[in-house]
Amino acid sequence: MEESHPKMEKSLQQHINDDRDELDNPNTGSQRRRHLEDELDALEAYQANHPDEEHDPTPLELYCDTHPDALECRVYED
């Protein structure tokens, strides 16, 4: 019986580092570069707004961090 290992979750800082590394690669295409630049801006803003967070945020978390009043970001409490 094989022992299963939990999937290693990427940290927020690792995601930022990975995006920077890919941006430093001269072979990165212009469309991918634009995506990475936008994502990196959002990740760095998220990190500044949540200095104690280490988990890699989802795209929805990044969006809601910059658009807290968006319909899909509203939290309803009972």
PDB file of N, CA and C in Angstrom:
ATOM      1  N   MET A   1       0.837  -1.175   0.000  1.00  0.00           N
ATOM      2  CA  MET A   1       0.000   0.000   0.000  1.00  0.00           C
ATOM      3  C   MET A   1       0.886   1.242   0.000  1.00  0.00           C
ATOM      4  N   GLU A   2       0.650   2.119  -0.954  1.00  0.00           N
ATOM      5  CA  GLU A   2       1.442   3.336  -1.057  1.00  0.00           C
ATOM      6  C   GLU A   2       0.975   4.381  -0.065  1.00  0.00           C
ATOM      7  N   GLU A   3       1.948   5.068   0.507  1.00  0.00           N
ATOM      8  CA  GLU A   3       1.616   6.155   1.417  1.00  0.00           C
ATOM      9  C   GLU A   3       1.398   7.416   0.586  1.00  0.00           C
ATOM     10  N   SER A   4       0.264   8.055   0.786  1.00  0.00           N
ATOM     11  CA  SER A   4       0.002   9.275   0.012  1.00  0.00           C
ATOM     12  C   SER A   4       0.568  10.472   0.749  1.00  0.00           C
ATOM     13  N   HIS A   5       1.122  11.375  -0.037  1.00  0.00           N
ATOM     14  CA  HIS A   5       1.685  12.599   0.518  1.00  0.00           C
ATOM     15  C   HIS A   5       0.786  13.754   0.135  1.00  0.00           C
ATOM     16  N   PRO A   6       0.518  14.643   1.079  1.00  0.00           N
ATOM     17  CA  PRO A   6      -0.307  15.794   0.717  1.00  0.00           C
ATOM     18  C   PRO A   6       0.394  16.650  -0.332  1.00  0.00           C
ATOM     19  N   LYS A   7      -0.401  17.188  -1.222  1.00  0.00           N
ATOM     20  CA  LYS A   7       0.143  18.055  -2.270  1.00  0.00           C
ATOM     21  C   LYS A   7       0.767  19.291  -1.611  1.00  0.00           C
ATOM     22  N   MET A   8       1.965  19.606  -2.036  1.00  0.00           N
ATOM     23  CA  MET A   8       2.631  20.785  -1.488  1.00  0.00           C
ATOM     24  C   MET A   8       1.951  22.028  -2.031  1.00  0.00           C
ATOM     25  N   GLU A   9       1.437  22.830  -1.142  1.00  0.00           N
ATOM     26  CA  GLU A   9       0.791  24.076  -1.539  1.00  0.00           C
ATOM     27  C   GLU A   9       1.861  25.132  -1.761  1.00  0.00           C
ATOM     28  N   LYS A  10       1.689  25.882  -2.808  1.00  0.00           N
ATOM     29  CA  LYS A  10       2.605  26.969  -3.105  1.00  0.00           C
ATOM     30  C   LYS A  10       2.289  28.131  -2.166  1.00  0.00           C
ATOM     31  N   SER A  11       3.312  28.757  -1.660  1.00  0.00           N
ATOM     32  CA  SER A  11       3.106  29.925  -0.803  1.00  0.00           C
ATOM     33  C   SER A  11       2.939  31.171  -1.666  1.00  0.00           C
ATOM     34  N   LEU A  12       2.413  32.198  -1.068  1.00  0.00           N
ATOM     35  CA  LEU A  12       2.252  33.477  -1.740  1.00  0.00           C
ATOM     36  C   LEU A  12       3.605  33.988  -2.240  1.00  0.00           C
ATOM     37  N   GLN A  13       4.620  33.928  -1.399  1.00  0.00           N
ATOM     38  CA  GLN A  13       5.941  34.416  -1.792  1.00  0.00           C
ATOM     39  C   GLN A  13       6.517  33.578  -2.932  1.00  0.00           C
ATOM     40  N   GLN A  14       6.281  32.271  -2.906  1.00  0.00           N
ATOM     41  CA  GLN A  14       6.781  31.419  -3.992  1.00  0.00           C
ATOM     42  C   GLN A  14       6.098  31.774  -5.305  1.00  0.00           C
ATOM     43  N   HIS A  15       4.806  32.068  -5.275  1.00  0.00           N
ATOM     44  CA  HIS A  15       4.080  32.461  -6.482  1.00  0.00           C
ATOM     45  C   HIS A  15       4.647  33.765  -7.036  1.00  0.00           C
ATOM     46  N   ILE A  16       4.910  34.726  -6.151  1.00  0.00           N
ATOM     47  CA  ILE A  16       5.512  35.997  -6.563  1.00  0.00           C
ATOM     48  C   ILE A  16       6.877  35.743  -7.195  1.00  0.00           C
ATOM     49  N   ASN A  17       7.690  34.912  -6.550  1.00  0.00           N
ATOM     50  CA  ASN A  17       9.025  34.600  -7.074  1.00  0.00           C
ATOM     51  C   ASN A  17       8.946  33.908  -8.428  1.00  0.00           C
ATOM     52  N   ASP A  18       8.007  32.971  -8.571  1.00  0.00           N
ATOM     53  CA  ASP A  18       7.845  32.255  -9.840  1.00  0.00           C
ATOM     54  C   ASP A  18       7.457  33.219 -10.964  1.00  0.00           C
ATOM     55  N   ASP A  19       6.527  34.142 -10.666  1.00  0.00           N
ATOM     56  CA  ASP A  19       6.117  35.123 -11.676  1.00  0.00           C
ATOM     57  C   ASP A  19       7.297  36.015 -12.072  1.00  0.00           C
ATOM     58  N   ARG A  20       8.068  36.452 -11.094  1.00  0.00           N
ATOM     59  CA  ARG A  20       9.233  37.293 -11.392  1.00  0.00           C
ATOM     60  C   ARG A  20      10.252  36.541 -12.248  1.00  0.00           C
ATOM     61  N   ASP A  21      10.485  35.265 -11.904  1.00  0.00           N
ATOM     62  CA  ASP A  21      11.430  34.458 -12.678  1.00  0.00           C
ATOM     63  C   ASP A  21      10.962  34.318 -14.122  1.00  0.00           C
ATOM     64  N   GLU A  22       9.670  34.065 -14.311  1.00  0.00           N
ATOM     65  CA  GLU A  22       9.155  33.907 -15.668  1.00  0.00           C
ATOM     66  C   GLU A  22       9.220  35.228 -16.437  1.00  0.00           C
ATOM     67  N   LEU A  23       8.996  36.352 -15.749  1.00  0.00           N
ATOM     68  CA  LEU A  23       9.114  37.662 -16.399  1.00  0.00           C
ATOM     69  C   LEU A  23      10.560  37.953 -16.802  1.00  0.00           C
ATOM     70  N   ASP A  24      11.515  37.427 -16.044  1.00  0.00           N
ATOM     71  CA  ASP A  24      12.929  37.621 -16.354  1.00  0.00           C
ATOM     72  C   ASP A  24      13.388  36.791 -17.556  1.00  0.00           C
ATOM     73  N   ASN A  25      12.569  35.806 -17.933  1.00  0.00           N
ATOM     74  CA  ASN A  25      12.921  34.943 -19.064  1.00  0.00           C
ATOM     75  C   ASN A  25      12.625  35.684 -20.369  1.00  0.00           C
ATOM     76  N   PRO A  26      13.632  35.916 -21.191  1.00  0.00           N
ATOM     77  CA  PRO A  26      13.421  36.654 -22.435  1.00  0.00           C
ATOM     78  C   PRO A  26      12.536  35.905 -23.439  1.00  0.00           C
ATOM     79  N   ASN A  27      12.322  34.619 -23.238  1.00  0.00           N
ATOM     80  CA  ASN A  27      11.490  33.832 -24.146  1.00  0.00           C
ATOM     81  C   ASN A  27      10.005  33.880 -23.793  1.00  0.00           C
ATOM     82  N   THR A  28       9.654  34.565 -22.696  1.00  0.00           N
ATOM     83  CA  THR A  28       8.256  34.683 -22.321  1.00  0.00           C
ATOM     84  C   THR A  28       7.555  35.585 -23.328  1.00  0.00           C
ATOM     85  N   GLY A  29       6.455  35.083 -23.904  1.00  0.00           N
ATOM     86  CA  GLY A  29       5.710  35.821 -24.916  1.00  0.00           C
ATOM     87  C   GLY A  29       5.029  37.059 -24.355  1.00  0.00           C
ATOM     88  N   SER A  30       4.681  37.974 -25.235  1.00  0.00           N
ATOM     89  CA  SER A  30       4.121  39.255 -24.803  1.00  0.00           C
ATOM     90  C   SER A  30       2.761  39.093 -24.115  1.00  0.00           C
ATOM     91  N   GLN A  31       1.917  38.195 -24.601  1.00  0.00           N
ATOM     92  CA  GLN A  31       0.613  37.993 -23.970  1.00  0.00           C
ATOM     93  C   GLN A  31       0.788  37.402 -22.572  1.00  0.00           C
ATOM     94  N   ARG A  32       1.654  36.407 -22.448  1.00  0.00           N
ATOM     95  CA  ARG A  32       1.937  35.803 -21.148  1.00  0.00           C
ATOM     96  C   ARG A  32       2.573  36.833 -20.224  1.00  0.00           C
ATOM     97  N   ARG A  33       3.451  37.672 -20.757  1.00  0.00           N
ATOM     98  CA  ARG A  33       4.118  38.710 -19.971  1.00  0.00           C
ATOM     99  C   ARG A  33       3.089  39.686 -19.381  1.00  0.00           C
ATOM    100  N   ARG A  34       2.108  40.094 -20.194  1.00  0.00           N
ATOM    101  CA  ARG A  34       1.059  40.996 -19.691  1.00  0.00           C
ATOM    102  C   ARG A  34       0.259  40.338 -18.565  1.00  0.00           C
ATOM    103  N   HIS A  35      -0.063  39.055 -18.758  1.00  0.00           N
ATOM    104  CA  HIS A  35      -0.781  38.319 -17.714  1.00  0.00           C
ATOM    105  C   HIS A  35       0.040  38.278 -16.425  1.00  0.00           C
ATOM    106  N   LEU A  36       1.312  37.938 -16.552  1.00  0.00           N
ATOM    107  CA  LEU A  36       2.178  37.841 -15.378  1.00  0.00           C
ATOM    108  C   LEU A  36       2.334  39.180 -14.666  1.00  0.00           C
ATOM    109  N   GLU A  37       2.473  40.257 -15.433  1.00  0.00           N
ATOM    110  CA  GLU A  37       2.611  41.580 -14.827  1.00  0.00           C
ATOM    111  C   GLU A  37       1.361  41.945 -14.033  1.00  0.00           C
ATOM    112  N   ASP A  38       0.183  41.683 -14.615  1.00  0.00           N
ATOM    113  CA  ASP A  38      -1.071  41.963 -13.908  1.00  0.00           C
ATOM    114  C   ASP A  38      -1.200  41.095 -12.661  1.00  0.00           C
ATOM    115  N   GLU A  39      -0.880  39.811 -12.810  1.00  0.00           N
ATOM    116  CA  GLU A  39      -0.970  38.893 -11.681  1.00  0.00           C
ATOM    117  C   GLU A  39       0.004  39.290 -10.582  1.00  0.00           C
ATOM    118  N   LEU A  40       1.218  39.650 -10.964  1.00  0.00           N
ATOM    119  CA  LEU A  40       2.234  40.047  -9.989  1.00  0.00           C
ATOM    120  C   LEU A  40       1.788  41.297  -9.227  1.00  0.00           C
ATOM    121  N   ASP A  41       1.220  42.267  -9.923  1.00  0.00           N
ATOM    122  CA  ASP A  41       0.687  43.462  -9.249  1.00  0.00           C
ATOM    123  C   ASP A  41      -0.363  43.068  -8.219  1.00  0.00           C
ATOM    124  N   ALA A  42      -1.273  42.178  -8.603  1.00  0.00           N
ATOM    125  CA  ALA A  42      -2.344  41.749  -7.698  1.00  0.00           C
ATOM    126  C   ALA A  42      -1.776  40.968  -6.509  1.00  0.00           C
ATOM    127  N   LEU A  43      -0.803  40.095  -6.763  1.00  0.00           N
ATOM    128  CA  LEU A  43      -0.189  39.320  -5.679  1.00  0.00           C
ATOM    129  C   LEU A  43       0.548  40.216  -4.690  1.00  0.00           C
ATOM    130  N   GLU A  44       1.278  41.187  -5.211  1.00  0.00           N
ATOM    131  CA  GLU A  44       2.016  42.090  -4.328  1.00  0.00           C
ATOM    132  C   GLU A  44       1.068  42.973  -3.528  1.00  0.00           C
ATOM    133  N   ALA A  45      -0.030  43.410  -4.127  1.00  0.00           N
ATOM    134  CA  ALA A  45      -1.033  44.195  -3.401  1.00  0.00           C
ATOM    135  C   ALA A  45      -1.679  43.332  -2.321  1.00  0.00           C
ATOM    136  N   TYR A  46      -1.986  42.089  -2.646  1.00  0.00           N
ATOM    137  CA  TYR A  46      -2.582  41.166  -1.673  1.00  0.00           C
ATOM    138  C   TYR A  46      -1.622  40.967  -0.504  1.00  0.00           C
ATOM    139  N   GLN A  47      -0.351  40.774  -0.823  1.00  0.00           N
ATOM    140  CA  GLN A  47       0.651  40.576   0.224  1.00  0.00           C
ATOM    141  C   GLN A  47       0.752  41.809   1.126  1.00  0.00           C
ATOM    142  N   ALA A  48       0.688  42.995   0.542  1.00  0.00           N
ATOM    143  CA  ALA A  48       0.748  44.226   1.334  1.00  0.00           C
ATOM    144  C   ALA A  48      -0.492  44.376   2.218  1.00  0.00           C
ATOM    145  N   ASN A  49      -1.651  43.971   1.700  1.00  0.00           N
ATOM    146  CA  ASN A  49      -2.905  44.086   2.447  1.00  0.00           C
ATOM    147  C   ASN A  49      -3.072  42.994   3.496  1.00  0.00           C
ATOM    148  N   HIS A  50      -2.358  41.889   3.327  1.00  0.00           N
ATOM    149  CA  HIS A  50      -2.476  40.737   4.239  1.00  0.00           C
ATOM    150  C   HIS A  50      -1.081  40.243   4.619  1.00  0.00           C
ATOM    151  N   PRO A  51      -0.334  41.032   5.392  1.00  0.00           N
ATOM    152  CA  PRO A  51       1.066  40.682   5.673  1.00  0.00           C
ATOM    153  C   PRO A  51       1.254  39.373   6.438  1.00  0.00           C
ATOM    154  N   ASP A  52       0.224  38.904   7.135  1.00  0.00           N
ATOM    155  CA  ASP A  52       0.358  37.657   7.893  1.00  0.00           C
ATOM    156  C   ASP A  52      -0.063  36.424   7.107  1.00  0.00           C
ATOM    157  N   GLU A  53      -0.570  36.615   5.891  1.00  0.00           N
ATOM    158  CA  GLU A  53      -1.008  35.497   5.047  1.00  0.00           C
ATOM    159  C   GLU A  53       0.176  34.896   4.313  1.00  0.00           C
ATOM    160  N   GLU A  54       0.220  33.574   4.270  1.00  0.00           N
ATOM    161  CA  GLU A  54       1.279  32.894   3.527  1.00  0.00           C
ATOM    162  C   GLU A  54       0.720  32.052   2.396  1.00  0.00           C
ATOM    163  N   HIS A  55      -0.576  31.716   2.444  1.00  0.00           N
ATOM    164  CA  HIS A  55      -1.138  30.851   1.399  1.00  0.00           C
ATOM    165  C   HIS A  55      -1.238  31.598   0.076  1.00  0.00           C
ATOM    166  N   ASP A  56      -1.152  30.850  -0.994  1.00  0.00           N
ATOM    167  CA  ASP A  56      -1.274  31.406  -2.338  1.00  0.00           C
ATOM    168  C   ASP A  56      -2.756  31.669  -2.602  1.00  0.00           C
ATOM    169  N   PRO A  57      -3.149  32.938  -2.747  1.00  0.00           N
ATOM    170  CA  PRO A  57      -4.569  33.231  -2.919  1.00  0.00           C
ATOM    171  C   PRO A  57      -5.099  32.773  -4.277  1.00  0.00           C
ATOM    172  N   THR A  58      -6.372  32.462  -4.288  1.00  0.00           N
ATOM    173  CA  THR A  58      -7.031  32.084  -5.532  1.00  0.00           C
ATOM    174  C   THR A  58      -7.276  33.341  -6.359  1.00  0.00           C
ATOM    175  N   PRO A  59      -7.559  33.185  -7.648  1.00  0.00           N
ATOM    176  CA  PRO A  59      -7.909  34.359  -8.461  1.00  0.00           C
ATOM    177  C   PRO A  59      -9.100  35.135  -7.882  1.00  0.00           C
ATOM    178  N   LEU A  60     -10.073  34.429  -7.313  1.00  0.00           N
ATOM    179  CA  LEU A  60     -11.216  35.123  -6.710  1.00  0.00           C
ATOM    180  C   LEU A  60     -10.784  35.943  -5.494  1.00  0.00           C
ATOM    181  N   GLU A  61      -9.901  35.394  -4.676  1.00  0.00           N
ATOM    182  CA  GLU A  61      -9.399  36.147  -3.523  1.00  0.00           C
ATOM    183  C   GLU A  61      -8.654  37.404  -3.975  1.00  0.00           C
ATOM    184  N   LEU A  62      -7.860  37.275  -5.028  1.00  0.00           N
ATOM    185  CA  LEU A  62      -7.141  38.444  -5.546  1.00  0.00           C
ATOM    186  C   LEU A  62      -8.123  39.490  -6.056  1.00  0.00           C
ATOM    187  N   TYR A  63      -9.124  39.047  -6.795  1.00  0.00           N
ATOM    188  CA  TYR A  63     -10.127  39.963  -7.339  1.00  0.00           C
ATOM    189  C   TYR A  63     -10.886  40.660  -6.209  1.00  0.00           C
ATOM    190  N   CYS A  64     -11.321  39.898  -5.226  1.00  0.00           N
ATOM    191  CA  CYS A  64     -12.106  40.469  -4.135  1.00  0.00           C
ATOM    192  C   CYS A  64     -11.274  41.384  -3.243  1.00  0.00           C
ATOM    193  N   ASP A  65      -9.969  41.155  -3.203  1.00  0.00           N
ATOM    194  CA  ASP A  65      -9.102  42.033  -2.423  1.00  0.00           C
ATOM    195  C   ASP A  65      -9.098  43.441  -3.011  1.00  0.00           C
ATOM    196  N   THR A  66      -9.184  43.526  -4.343  1.00  0.00           N
ATOM    197  CA  THR A  66      -9.171  44.838  -5.000  1.00  0.00           C
ATOM    198  C   THR A  66     -10.565  45.342  -5.352  1.00  0.00           C
ATOM    199  N   HIS A  67     -11.573  44.463  -5.270  1.00  0.00           N
ATOM    200  CA  HIS A  67     -12.961  44.828  -5.587  1.00  0.00           C
ATOM    201  C   HIS A  67     -13.901  44.302  -4.497  1.00  0.00           C
ATOM    202  N   PRO A  68     -13.736  44.739  -3.255  1.00  0.00           N
ATOM    203  CA  PRO A  68     -14.523  44.159  -2.156  1.00  0.00           C
ATOM    204  C   PRO A  68     -16.032  44.385  -2.285  1.00  0.00           C
ATOM    205  N   ASP A  69     -16.461  45.366  -3.034  1.00  0.00           N
ATOM    206  CA  ASP A  69     -17.891  45.625  -3.176  1.00  0.00           C
ATOM    207  C   ASP A  69     -18.524  44.895  -4.353  1.00  0.00           C
ATOM    208  N   ALA A  70     -17.741  44.141  -5.095  1.00  0.00           N
ATOM    209  CA  ALA A  70     -18.285  43.395  -6.233  1.00  0.00           C
ATOM    210  C   ALA A  70     -19.297  42.371  -5.736  1.00  0.00           C
ATOM    211  N   LEU A  71     -20.303  42.141  -6.523  1.00  0.00           N
ATOM    212  CA  LEU A  71     -21.384  41.237  -6.148  1.00  0.00           C
ATOM    213  C   LEU A  71     -20.854  39.860  -5.729  1.00  0.00           C
ATOM    214  N   GLU A  72     -19.909  39.323  -6.494  1.00  0.00           N
ATOM    215  CA  GLU A  72     -19.396  38.004  -6.189  1.00  0.00           C
ATOM    216  C   GLU A  72     -18.498  37.950  -4.955  1.00  0.00           C
ATOM    217  N   CYS A  73     -18.188  39.104  -4.377  1.00  0.00           N
ATOM    218  CA  CYS A  73     -17.310  39.179  -3.216  1.00  0.00           C
ATOM    219  C   CYS A  73     -18.067  39.454  -1.921  1.00  0.00           C
ATOM    220  N   ARG A  74     -19.340  39.674  -2.041  1.00  0.00           N
ATOM    221  CA  ARG A  74     -20.137  39.983  -0.849  1.00  0.00           C
ATOM    222  C   ARG A  74     -20.275  38.745   0.021  1.00  0.00           C
ATOM    223  N   VAL A  75     -20.231  38.979   1.318  1.00  0.00           N
ATOM    224  CA  VAL A  75     -20.394  37.903   2.296  1.00  0.00           C
ATOM    225  C   VAL A  75     -21.664  38.204   3.074  1.00  0.00           C
ATOM    226  N   TYR A  76     -22.549  37.248   3.081  1.00  0.00           N
ATOM    227  CA  TYR A  76     -23.807  37.395   3.800  1.00  0.00           C
ATOM    228  C   TYR A  76     -23.761  36.566   5.057  1.00  0.00           C
ATOM    229  N   GLU A  77     -24.134  37.174   6.156  1.00  0.00           N
ATOM    230  CA  GLU A  77     -24.147  36.461   7.427  1.00  0.00           C
ATOM    231  C   GLU A  77     -25.573  36.298   7.896  1.00  0.00           C
ATOM    232  N   ASP A  78     -25.841  35.160   8.544  1.00  0.00           N
ATOM    233  CA  ASP A  78     -27.195  34.899   9.063  1.00  0.00           C
ATOM    234  C   ASP A  78     -27.455  35.699  10.310  1.00  0.00           C
TER     235      ASP A  78
END
